[in-house]
C-alpha atoms as a PDB file:
ATOM      1  CA  MET A   1     -18.504  12.182 -26.270  1.00  0.00           C
ATOM      2  CA  ASP A   2     -20.824  11.497 -29.210  1.00  0.00           C
ATOM      3  CA  LYS A   3     -18.955  11.034 -32.499  1.00  0.00           C
ATOM      4  CA  LYS A   4     -19.808   9.488 -35.865  1.00  0.00           C
ATOM      5  CA  LEU A   5     -16.303   8.012 -36.255  1.00  0.00           C
ATOM      6  CA  GLY A   6     -13.620   7.087 -33.736  1.00  0.00           C
ATOM      7  CA  VAL A   7     -10.116   6.332 -35.030  1.00  0.00           C
ATOM      8  CA  ILE A   8      -7.527   4.291 -33.145  1.00  0.00           C
ATOM      9  CA  GLY A   9      -4.125   5.417 -34.448  1.00  0.00           C
ATOM     10  CA  PHE A  10      -3.062   8.599 -36.190  1.00  0.00           C
ATOM     11  CA  GLY A  11      -0.227   7.575 -38.504  1.00  0.00           C
ATOM     12  CA  ASN A  12       0.223   8.594 -42.141  1.00  0.00           C
ATOM     13  CA  MET A  13      -2.539   6.342 -43.470  1.00  0.00           C
ATOM     14  CA  ALA A  14      -5.127   7.391 -40.892  1.00  0.00           C
ATOM     15  CA  THR A  15      -4.217  11.043 -41.436  1.00  0.00           C
ATOM     16  CA  GLY A  16      -4.640  10.733 -45.203  1.00  0.00           C
ATOM     17  CA  ILE A  17      -7.956   8.896 -44.908  1.00  0.00           C
ATOM     18  CA  LEU A  18      -9.366  11.461 -42.486  1.00  0.00           C
ATOM     19  CA  ASN A  19      -8.174  14.414 -44.563  1.00  0.00           C
ATOM     20  CA  ALA A  20      -9.962  12.969 -47.609  1.00  0.00           C
ATOM     21  CA  ILE A  21     -13.155  12.281 -45.623  1.00  0.00           C
ATOM     22  CA  ILE A  22     -13.230  15.821 -44.270  1.00  0.00           C
ATOM     23  CA  LYS A  23     -12.381  17.363 -47.639  1.00  0.00           C
ATOM     24  CA  SER A  24     -15.298  15.468 -49.215  1.00  0.00           C
ATOM     25  CA  GLU A  25     -17.582  16.811 -46.446  1.00  0.00           C
ATOM     26  CA  ILE A  26     -18.913  13.340 -45.636  1.00  0.00           C
ATOM     27  CA  LEU A  27     -17.967  14.048 -42.025  1.00  0.00           C
ATOM     28  CA  THR A  28     -16.815  17.195 -40.301  1.00  0.00           C
ATOM     29  CA  LEU A  29     -13.849  17.559 -37.979  1.00  0.00           C
ATOM     30  CA  ASP A  30     -16.241  17.779 -35.026  1.00  0.00           C
ATOM     31  CA  GLU A  31     -17.748  14.368 -35.851  1.00  0.00           C
ATOM     32  CA  ILE A  32     -14.428  12.517 -35.528  1.00  0.00           C
ATOM     33  CA  ALA A  33     -12.355  11.569 -32.473  1.00  0.00           C
ATOM     34  CA  ILE A  34      -8.852  10.103 -32.224  1.00  0.00           C
ATOM     35  CA  CYS A  35      -7.149   7.776 -29.768  1.00  0.00           C
ATOM     36  CA  GLU A  36      -3.350   7.681 -30.006  1.00  0.00           C
ATOM     37  CA  ILE A  37      -0.746   6.591 -27.454  1.00  0.00           C
ATOM     38  CA  ASP A  38       2.272   8.118 -29.201  1.00  0.00           C
ATOM     39  CA  PRO A  39       2.805  11.643 -27.784  1.00  0.00           C
ATOM     40  CA  LYS A  40       3.965  13.108 -31.104  1.00  0.00           C
ATOM     41  CA  ALA A  41       0.980  11.665 -32.977  1.00  0.00           C
ATOM     42  CA  ARG A  42      -1.389  12.882 -30.244  1.00  0.00           C
ATOM     43  CA  LYS A  43       0.023  16.371 -30.601  1.00  0.00           C
ATOM     44  CA  ARG A  44      -0.388  16.247 -34.394  1.00  0.00           C
ATOM     45  CA  ALA A  45      -4.023  15.191 -33.995  1.00  0.00           C
ATOM     46  CA  GLU A  46      -4.692  17.986 -31.513  1.00  0.00           C
ATOM     47  CA  GLN A  47      -2.994  20.544 -33.739  1.00  0.00           C
ATOM     48  CA  ALA A  48      -5.144  19.361 -36.659  1.00  0.00           C
ATOM     49  CA  GLY A  49      -8.237  20.170 -34.582  1.00  0.00           C
ATOM     50  CA  PHE A  50      -9.399  16.648 -33.676  1.00  0.00           C
ATOM     51  CA  LEU A  51     -10.765  15.738 -30.275  1.00  0.00           C
ATOM     52  CA  VAL A  52      -8.249  13.308 -28.769  1.00  0.00           C
ATOM     53  CA  ALA A  53      -9.896  10.826 -26.412  1.00  0.00           C
ATOM     54  CA  GLU A  54      -8.421  10.223 -22.979  1.00  0.00           C
ATOM     55  CA  SER A  55      -8.679   6.461 -23.408  1.00  0.00           C
ATOM     56  CA  MET A  56      -9.565   3.779 -25.902  1.00  0.00           C
ATOM     57  CA  GLY A  57     -12.667   2.946 -23.896  1.00  0.00           C
ATOM     58  CA  GLN A  58     -13.898   6.527 -24.070  1.00  0.00           C
ATOM     59  CA  LEU A  59     -13.310   6.633 -27.834  1.00  0.00           C
ATOM     60  CA  CYS A  60     -15.044   3.332 -28.608  1.00  0.00           C
ATOM     61  CA  ARG A  61     -18.040   3.894 -26.340  1.00  0.00           C
ATOM     62  CA  GLY A  62     -18.577   7.393 -27.717  1.00  0.00           C
ATOM     63  CA  SER A  63     -18.318   6.581 -31.438  1.00  0.00           C
ATOM     64  CA  ASP A  64     -20.907   5.119 -33.810  1.00  0.00           C
ATOM     65  CA  MET A  65     -18.200   3.376 -35.867  1.00  0.00           C
ATOM     66  CA  VAL A  66     -14.545   2.701 -35.085  1.00  0.00           C
ATOM     67  CA  LEU A  67     -11.608   2.619 -37.511  1.00  0.00           C
ATOM     68  CA  LEU A  68      -8.616   0.577 -36.362  1.00  0.00           C
ATOM     69  CA  ALA A  69      -5.528   2.114 -37.986  1.00  0.00           C
ATOM     70  CA  VAL A  70      -2.537   0.615 -36.171  1.00  0.00           C
ATOM     71  CA  LYS A  71       0.324  -1.648 -37.272  1.00  0.00           C
ATOM     72  CA  PRO A  72      -0.504  -5.394 -37.421  1.00  0.00           C
ATOM     73  CA  ASN A  73       1.791  -6.188 -34.476  1.00  0.00           C
ATOM     74  CA  MET A  74      -0.205  -3.800 -32.269  1.00  0.00           C
ATOM     75  CA  VAL A  75      -3.676  -5.115 -33.101  1.00  0.00           C
ATOM     76  CA  ALA A  76      -3.889  -7.844 -30.449  1.00  0.00           C
ATOM     77  CA  SER A  77      -2.922  -5.610 -27.515  1.00  0.00           C
ATOM     78  CA  VAL A  78      -5.113  -2.718 -28.706  1.00  0.00           C
ATOM     79  CA  LEU A  79      -8.221  -4.878 -29.105  1.00  0.00           C
ATOM     80  CA  LYS A  80      -7.613  -6.648 -25.823  1.00  0.00           C
ATOM     81  CA  GLU A  81      -7.639  -3.273 -24.089  1.00  0.00           C
ATOM     82  CA  ALA A  82     -10.599  -1.937 -26.077  1.00  0.00           C
ATOM     83  CA  GLY A  83     -12.627  -5.163 -25.930  1.00  0.00           C
ATOM     84  CA  PRO A  84     -15.373  -4.237 -23.426  1.00  0.00           C
ATOM     85  CA  ALA A  85     -15.966  -0.845 -25.067  1.00  0.00           C
ATOM     86  CA  LEU A  86     -16.313  -2.473 -28.508  1.00  0.00           C
ATOM     87  CA  GLU A  87     -19.289  -4.606 -27.464  1.00  0.00           C
ATOM     88  CA  ARG A  88     -21.798  -4.524 -30.367  1.00  0.00           C
ATOM     89  CA  LYS A  89     -19.767  -1.883 -32.201  1.00  0.00           C
ATOM     90  CA  ALA A  90     -18.974  -1.698 -35.918  1.00  0.00           C
ATOM     91  CA  LEU A  91     -15.190  -1.943 -36.335  1.00  0.00           C
ATOM     92  CA  MET A  92     -13.332  -1.215 -39.586  1.00  0.00           C
ATOM     93  CA  SER A  93      -9.720  -2.402 -39.690  1.00  0.00           C
ATOM     94  CA  ILE A  94      -6.959  -1.442 -42.140  1.00  0.00           C
ATOM     95  CA  ALA A  95      -4.338  -3.679 -40.486  1.00  0.00           C
ATOM     96  CA  ALA A  96      -2.661  -5.817 -43.162  1.00  0.00           C
ATOM     97  CA  GLY A  97      -2.737  -9.563 -42.700  1.00  0.00           C
ATOM     98  CA  VAL A  98      -5.182  -9.593 -39.763  1.00  0.00           C
ATOM     99  CA  SER A  99      -8.311 -11.554 -40.674  1.00  0.00           C
ATOM    100  CA  SER A 100     -11.807 -10.759 -39.469  1.00  0.00           C
ATOM    101  CA  GLN A 101     -11.740 -13.946 -37.389  1.00  0.00           C
ATOM    102  CA  LYS A 102      -8.507 -12.854 -35.682  1.00  0.00           C
ATOM    103  CA  LEU A 103      -9.926  -9.390 -34.978  1.00  0.00           C
ATOM    104  CA  LYS A 104     -12.866 -10.967 -33.183  1.00  0.00           C
ATOM    105  CA  GLU A 105     -10.653 -13.428 -31.301  1.00  0.00           C
ATOM    106  CA  PHE A 106      -8.488 -10.575 -30.021  1.00  0.00           C
ATOM    107  CA  CYS A 107     -11.615  -8.983 -28.510  1.00  0.00           C
ATOM    108  CA  GLY A 108     -12.235 -12.097 -26.430  1.00  0.00           C
ATOM    109  CA  THR A 109     -15.849 -12.784 -25.496  1.00  0.00           C
ATOM    110  CA  TYR A 110     -17.087  -9.358 -26.566  1.00  0.00           C
ATOM    111  CA  PHE A 111     -19.298  -9.292 -29.648  1.00  0.00           C
ATOM    112  CA  LEU A 112     -18.524  -6.831 -32.415  1.00  0.00           C
ATOM    113  CA  ARG A 113     -19.140  -6.491 -36.146  1.00  0.00           C
ATOM    114  CA  VAL A 114     -16.038  -6.344 -38.333  1.00  0.00           C
ATOM    115  CA  LEU A 115     -15.201  -4.969 -41.776  1.00  0.00           C
ATOM    116  CA  ARG A 116     -11.687  -5.597 -43.037  1.00  0.00           C
ATOM    117  CA  ILE A 117     -10.238  -2.985 -45.416  1.00  0.00           C
ATOM    118  CA  MET A 118      -7.013  -2.970 -47.431  1.00  0.00           C
ATOM    119  CA  PRO A 119      -5.979   0.541 -48.472  1.00  0.00           C
ATOM    120  CA  ASN A 120      -2.883   1.533 -50.400  1.00  0.00           C
ATOM    121  CA  TYR A 121      -0.490   4.411 -49.900  1.00  0.00           C
ATOM    122  CA  PRO A 122      -1.981   6.827 -52.469  1.00  0.00           C
ATOM    123  CA  ALA A 123      -4.905   7.034 -50.036  1.00  0.00           C
ATOM    124  CA  VAL A 124      -2.861   9.678 -48.195  1.00  0.00           C
ATOM    125  CA  MET A 125      -3.561  11.937 -51.202  1.00  0.00           C
ATOM    126  CA  GLY A 126      -7.174  10.848 -51.606  1.00  0.00           C
ATOM    127  CA  VAL A 127      -6.426   8.746 -54.713  1.00  0.00           C
ATOM    128  CA  GLY A 128      -6.102   5.331 -53.115  1.00  0.00           C
ATOM    129  CA  THR A 129      -7.549   1.923 -53.875  1.00  0.00           C
ATOM    130  CA  MET A 130      -9.710   0.810 -50.962  1.00  0.00           C
ATOM    131  CA  VAL A 131     -10.591  -2.890 -50.973  1.00  0.00           C
ATOM    132  CA  LEU A 132     -13.385  -3.899 -48.580  1.00  0.00           C
ATOM    133  CA  SER A 133     -14.112  -7.475 -47.532  1.00  0.00           C
ATOM    134  CA  SER A 134     -17.558  -8.597 -48.667  1.00  0.00           C
ATOM    135  CA  ASN A 135     -17.544 -11.218 -45.873  1.00  0.00           C
ATOM    136  CA  THR A 136     -18.666  -8.782 -43.208  1.00  0.00           C
ATOM    137  CA  ASP A 137     -21.385  -8.825 -40.584  1.00  0.00           C
ATOM    138  CA  PHE A 138     -21.945  -5.084 -40.894  1.00  0.00           C
ATOM    139  CA  THR A 139     -25.585  -4.119 -41.341  1.00  0.00           C
ATOM    140  CA  PRO A 140     -26.593  -2.861 -44.815  1.00  0.00           C
ATOM    141  CA  GLU A 141     -26.610   0.686 -43.415  1.00  0.00           C
ATOM    142  CA  GLU A 142     -23.109   0.259 -41.971  1.00  0.00           C
ATOM    143  CA  ARG A 143     -21.830  -1.205 -45.246  1.00  0.00           C
ATOM    144  CA  ALA A 144     -23.198   1.784 -47.128  1.00  0.00           C
ATOM    145  CA  LYS A 145     -21.623   4.179 -44.625  1.00  0.00           C
ATOM    146  CA  ALA A 146     -18.254   2.427 -44.830  1.00  0.00           C
ATOM    147  CA  GLU A 147     -18.347   2.523 -48.635  1.00  0.00           C
ATOM    148  CA  SER A 148     -19.185   6.218 -48.535  1.00  0.00           C
ATOM    149  CA  LEU A 149     -16.306   6.963 -46.158  1.00  0.00           C
ATOM    150  CA  MET A 150     -13.765   4.936 -48.114  1.00  0.00           C
ATOM    151  CA  GLY A 151     -15.070   6.273 -51.419  1.00  0.00           C
ATOM    152  CA  ALA A 152     -13.861   9.690 -50.314  1.00  0.00           C
ATOM    153  CA  VAL A 153     -10.351   8.258 -50.230  1.00  0.00           C
ATOM    154  CA  GLY A 154     -10.343   6.658 -53.668  1.00  0.00           C
ATOM    155  CA  HIS A 155     -11.630   3.753 -55.717  1.00  0.00           C
ATOM    156  CA  VAL A 156     -13.639   1.154 -53.744  1.00  0.00           C
ATOM    157  CA  GLU A 157     -13.769  -2.574 -54.507  1.00  0.00           C
ATOM    158  CA  TRP A 158     -15.672  -5.245 -52.563  1.00  0.00           C
ATOM    159  CA  ILE A 159     -13.808  -8.578 -52.592  1.00  0.00           C
ATOM    160  CA  GLU A 160     -14.220 -11.850 -50.704  1.00  0.00           C
ATOM    161  CA  GLU A 161     -11.944 -11.966 -47.682  1.00  0.00           C
ATOM    162  CA  ARG A 162     -10.167 -15.096 -48.911  1.00  0.00           C
ATOM    163  CA  HIS A 163      -8.568 -12.861 -51.567  1.00  0.00           C
ATOM    164  CA  MET A 164      -7.364 -10.147 -49.169  1.00  0.00           C
ATOM    165  CA  ASP A 165      -3.798 -11.462 -49.002  1.00  0.00           C
ATOM    166  CA  ALA A 166      -3.613 -11.301 -52.803  1.00  0.00           C
ATOM    167  CA  VAL A 167      -4.979  -7.742 -52.613  1.00  0.00           C
ATOM    168  CA  THR A 168      -2.248  -6.894 -50.097  1.00  0.00           C
ATOM    169  CA  GLY A 169       0.377  -8.180 -52.531  1.00  0.00           C
ATOM    170  CA  LEU A 170      -1.083  -6.354 -55.527  1.00  0.00           C
ATOM    171  CA  SER A 171      -2.751  -3.021 -54.761  1.00  0.00           C
ATOM    172  CA  GLY A 172      -1.571  -2.803 -51.140  1.00  0.00           C
ATOM    173  CA  SER A 173       2.109  -3.230 -52.004  1.00  0.00           C
ATOM    174  CA  GLY A 174       1.867  -2.202 -55.655  1.00  0.00           C
ATOM    175  CA  PRO A 175       2.719   1.497 -55.188  1.00  0.00           C
ATOM    176  CA  ALA A 176       6.229   0.424 -54.131  1.00  0.00           C
ATOM    177  CA  TYR A 177       6.659  -1.585 -57.355  1.00  0.00           C
ATOM    178  CA  VAL A 178       5.316   1.246 -59.495  1.00  0.00           C
ATOM    179  CA  ALA A 179       7.598   3.748 -57.750  1.00  0.00           C
ATOM    180  CA  MET A 180      10.583   1.508 -58.480  1.00  0.00           C
ATOM    181  CA  PHE A 181       9.545   1.245 -62.141  1.00  0.00           C
ATOM    182  CA  ILE A 182       9.221   5.039 -62.415  1.00  0.00           C
ATOM    183  CA  GLU A 183      12.636   5.465 -60.797  1.00  0.00           C
ATOM    184  CA  ALA A 184      14.206   2.929 -63.155  1.00  0.00           C
ATOM    185  CA  LEU A 185      12.516   4.522 -66.173  1.00  0.00           C
ATOM    186  CA  ALA A 186      13.922   7.909 -65.159  1.00  0.00           C
ATOM    187  CA  ASP A 187      17.365   6.420 -64.512  1.00  0.00           C
ATOM    188  CA  GLY A 188      17.379   5.102 -68.071  1.00  0.00           C
ATOM    189  CA  GLY A 189      16.588   8.572 -69.350  1.00  0.00           C
ATOM    190  CA  VAL A 190      19.412  10.056 -67.268  1.00  0.00           C
ATOM    191  CA  MET A 191      21.818   7.488 -68.686  1.00  0.00           C
ATOM    192  CA  GLU A 192      20.823   8.654 -72.149  1.00  0.00           C
ATOM    193  CA  GLY A 193      21.519  12.293 -71.313  1.00  0.00           C
ATOM    194  CA  LEU A 194      18.293  13.747 -69.894  1.00  0.00           C
ATOM    195  CA  SER A 195      18.438  15.852 -66.748  1.00  0.00           C
ATOM    196  CA  ARG A 196      17.066  14.196 -63.610  1.00  0.00           C
ATOM    197  CA  PRO A 197      14.020  16.538 -63.372  1.00  0.00           C
ATOM    198  CA  GLN A 198      13.223  16.039 -67.074  1.00  0.00           C
ATOM    199  CA  ALA A 199      13.564  12.267 -66.829  1.00  0.00           C
ATOM    200  CA  MET A 200      11.455  12.037 -63.682  1.00  0.00           C
ATOM    201  CA  ASN A 201       8.669  14.214 -65.091  1.00  0.00           C
ATOM    202  CA  LEU A 202       8.574  12.209 -68.311  1.00  0.00           C
ATOM    203  CA  ALA A 203       8.560   8.891 -66.430  1.00  0.00           C
ATOM    204  CA  MET A 204       5.732   9.930 -64.084  1.00  0.00           C
ATOM    205  CA  GLN A 205       3.613  11.368 -66.875  1.00  0.00           C
ATOM    206  CA  THR A 206       4.148   8.271 -69.009  1.00  0.00           C
ATOM    207  CA  VAL A 207       2.908   5.975 -66.222  1.00  0.00           C
ATOM    208  CA  MET A 208      -0.047   8.222 -65.346  1.00  0.00           C
ATOM    209  CA  GLY A 209      -1.046   8.678 -68.990  1.00  0.00           C
ATOM    210  CA  THR A 210      -0.825   4.966 -69.765  1.00  0.00           C
ATOM    211  CA  ALA A 211      -2.924   4.049 -66.716  1.00  0.00           C
ATOM    212  CA  LYS A 212      -5.493   6.711 -67.639  1.00  0.00           C
ATOM    213  CA  LEU A 213      -5.720   5.402 -71.197  1.00  0.00           C
ATOM    214  CA  LEU A 214      -6.266   1.824 -70.037  1.00  0.00           C
ATOM    215  CA  GLN A 215      -8.831   2.990 -67.481  1.00  0.00           C
ATOM    216  CA  GLU A 216     -10.868   5.062 -69.911  1.00  0.00           C
ATOM    217  CA  GLU A 217     -10.736   2.533 -72.752  1.00  0.00           C
ATOM    218  CA  GLY A 218     -12.221  -0.203 -70.593  1.00  0.00           C
ATOM    219  CA  GLY A 219     -11.950  -2.942 -73.194  1.00  0.00           C
ATOM    220  CA  LEU A 220      -8.326  -2.237 -74.101  1.00  0.00           C
ATOM    221  CA  HIS A 221      -5.996  -5.009 -72.950  1.00  0.00           C
ATOM    222  CA  PRO A 222      -2.512  -3.899 -71.842  1.00  0.00           C
ATOM    223  CA  GLY A 223      -1.021  -6.311 -74.372  1.00  0.00           C
ATOM    224  CA  GLU A 224      -2.981  -4.623 -77.155  1.00  0.00           C
ATOM    225  CA  LEU A 225      -1.728  -1.217 -76.057  1.00  0.00           C
ATOM    226  CA  LYS A 226       1.830  -2.563 -76.045  1.00  0.00           C
ATOM    227  CA  ASP A 227       1.324  -3.831 -79.597  1.00  0.00           C
ATOM    228  CA  ARG A 228       0.000  -0.426 -80.697  1.00  0.00           C
ATOM    229  CA  VAL A 229       3.138   1.280 -79.409  1.00  0.00           C
ATOM    230  CA  CYS A 230       5.552  -1.277 -80.875  1.00  0.00           C
ATOM    231  CA  SER A 231       6.088  -0.620 -84.597  1.00  0.00           C
ATOM    232  CA  PRO A 232       7.735  -3.427 -86.613  1.00  0.00           C
ATOM    233  CA  GLY A 233      11.492  -3.141 -86.231  1.00  0.00           C
ATOM    234  CA  GLY A 234      11.058  -0.011 -84.096  1.00  0.00           C
ATOM    235  CA  THR A 235      12.464   1.348 -80.846  1.00  0.00           C
ATOM    236  CA  ALA A 236       9.690   0.227 -78.486  1.00  0.00           C
ATOM    237  CA  ILE A 237       9.870  -3.436 -79.498  1.00  0.00           C
ATOM    238  CA  GLU A 238      13.623  -3.301 -78.944  1.00  0.00           C
ATOM    239  CA  GLY A 239      12.978  -2.067 -75.416  1.00  0.00           C
ATOM    240  CA  VAL A 240      10.323  -4.756 -74.846  1.00  0.00           C
ATOM    241  CA  LYS A 241      12.864  -7.384 -75.889  1.00  0.00           C
ATOM    242  CA  ALA A 242      15.270  -6.037 -73.240  1.00  0.00           C
ATOM    243  CA  LEU A 243      12.524  -6.276 -70.589  1.00  0.00           C
ATOM    244  CA  GLU A 244      11.766  -9.850 -71.617  1.00  0.00           C
ATOM    245  CA  LEU A 245      15.455 -10.770 -71.374  1.00  0.00           C
ATOM    246  CA  GLY A 246      15.387  -9.429 -67.814  1.00  0.00           C
ATOM    247  CA  GLN A 247      12.273 -11.493 -67.016  1.00  0.00           C
ATOM    248  CA  PHE A 248      10.343  -8.310 -66.235  1.00  0.00           C
ATOM    249  CA  ARG A 249       6.863  -9.833 -66.099  1.00  0.00           C
ATOM    250  CA  HIS A 250       8.070 -12.897 -64.208  1.00  0.00           C
ATOM    251  CA  THR A 251       9.758 -10.664 -61.621  1.00  0.00           C
ATOM    252  CA  VAL A 252       6.706  -8.454 -61.116  1.00  0.00           C
ATOM    253  CA  MET A 253       4.428 -11.486 -60.726  1.00  0.00           C
ATOM    254  CA  ASN A 254       6.824 -12.956 -58.169  1.00  0.00           C
ATOM    255  CA  ALA A 255       6.794  -9.673 -56.228  1.00  0.00           C
ATOM    256  CA  VAL A 256       3.000  -9.865 -55.889  1.00  0.00           C
ATOM    257  CA  ILE A 257       3.172 -13.531 -54.839  1.00  0.00           C
ATOM    258  CA  ALA A 258       5.950 -12.882 -52.296  1.00  0.00           C
ATOM    259  CA  ALA A 259       4.079  -9.968 -50.700  1.00  0.00           C
ATOM    260  CA  SER A 260       0.855 -12.004 -50.609  1.00  0.00           C
ATOM    261  CA  GLU A 261       2.601 -14.910 -48.888  1.00  0.00           C
ATOM    262  CA  LYS A 262       4.144 -12.520 -46.365  1.00  0.00           C
ATOM    263  CA  SER A 263       0.666 -11.154 -45.614  1.00  0.00           C
ATOM    264  CA  LYS A 264      -0.482 -14.667 -44.728  1.00  0.00           C
ATOM    265  CA  ARG A 265       2.328 -14.965 -42.183  1.00  0.00           C
ATOM    266  CA  LEU A 266       1.934 -11.587 -40.449  1.00  0.00           C
ATOM    267  CA  ILE A 267      -0.393 -12.735 -37.677  1.00  0.00           C
END
């Protein structure tokens, strides 16, 4: 087996990442192999046209780079089994809360190069935020390759690893907060008489349009945009007052902090 990329795990995130990579034509289906112990996931990978390796050792030895895409609680056992085959390999990991140091410790005495990555759920649609640790011992060529692969999945940011728990709390967990906000926004519309489909469409488009505006007007601060929308004595400022009474910003900030602290305790 001679593959450009070997992937350990074939859950939703791995599936989304690989679909985006193939769609972008950075790699072809024939250049990727999968290792998966779950029978249902194995079958899905086979049905999608991927070569499914017989063992983790076969996958790692036969792949130029390896992507670890398993749950954090499975990382230690997976790397212990794969250890010998990962000798001098380049390993990318999307496991939340598992530091580069821990990844290497789990491999025992075997030497490997590690790049920690924090994706978020929109990656399954190719519109994710992919945060890569700048504290990596990947070669310059491997860094460039990793950035190219993850760039197919969405926006790429390089950040020092000491900030990865904060990234997990913000962009990693953020889609859940945004989804809750969209749901609540739509619920408010339903309470005021809109149909559920109308309210949901308006809520989603409002969030997407606002994010797009802030993104394209790079120097526009969110607070300035809020002030533009809020006319003196108008409806928007009345709504902002209600959010402030509910400690909206305080609650959102605490959500990011709580998720970040949980990330620190995962492994």
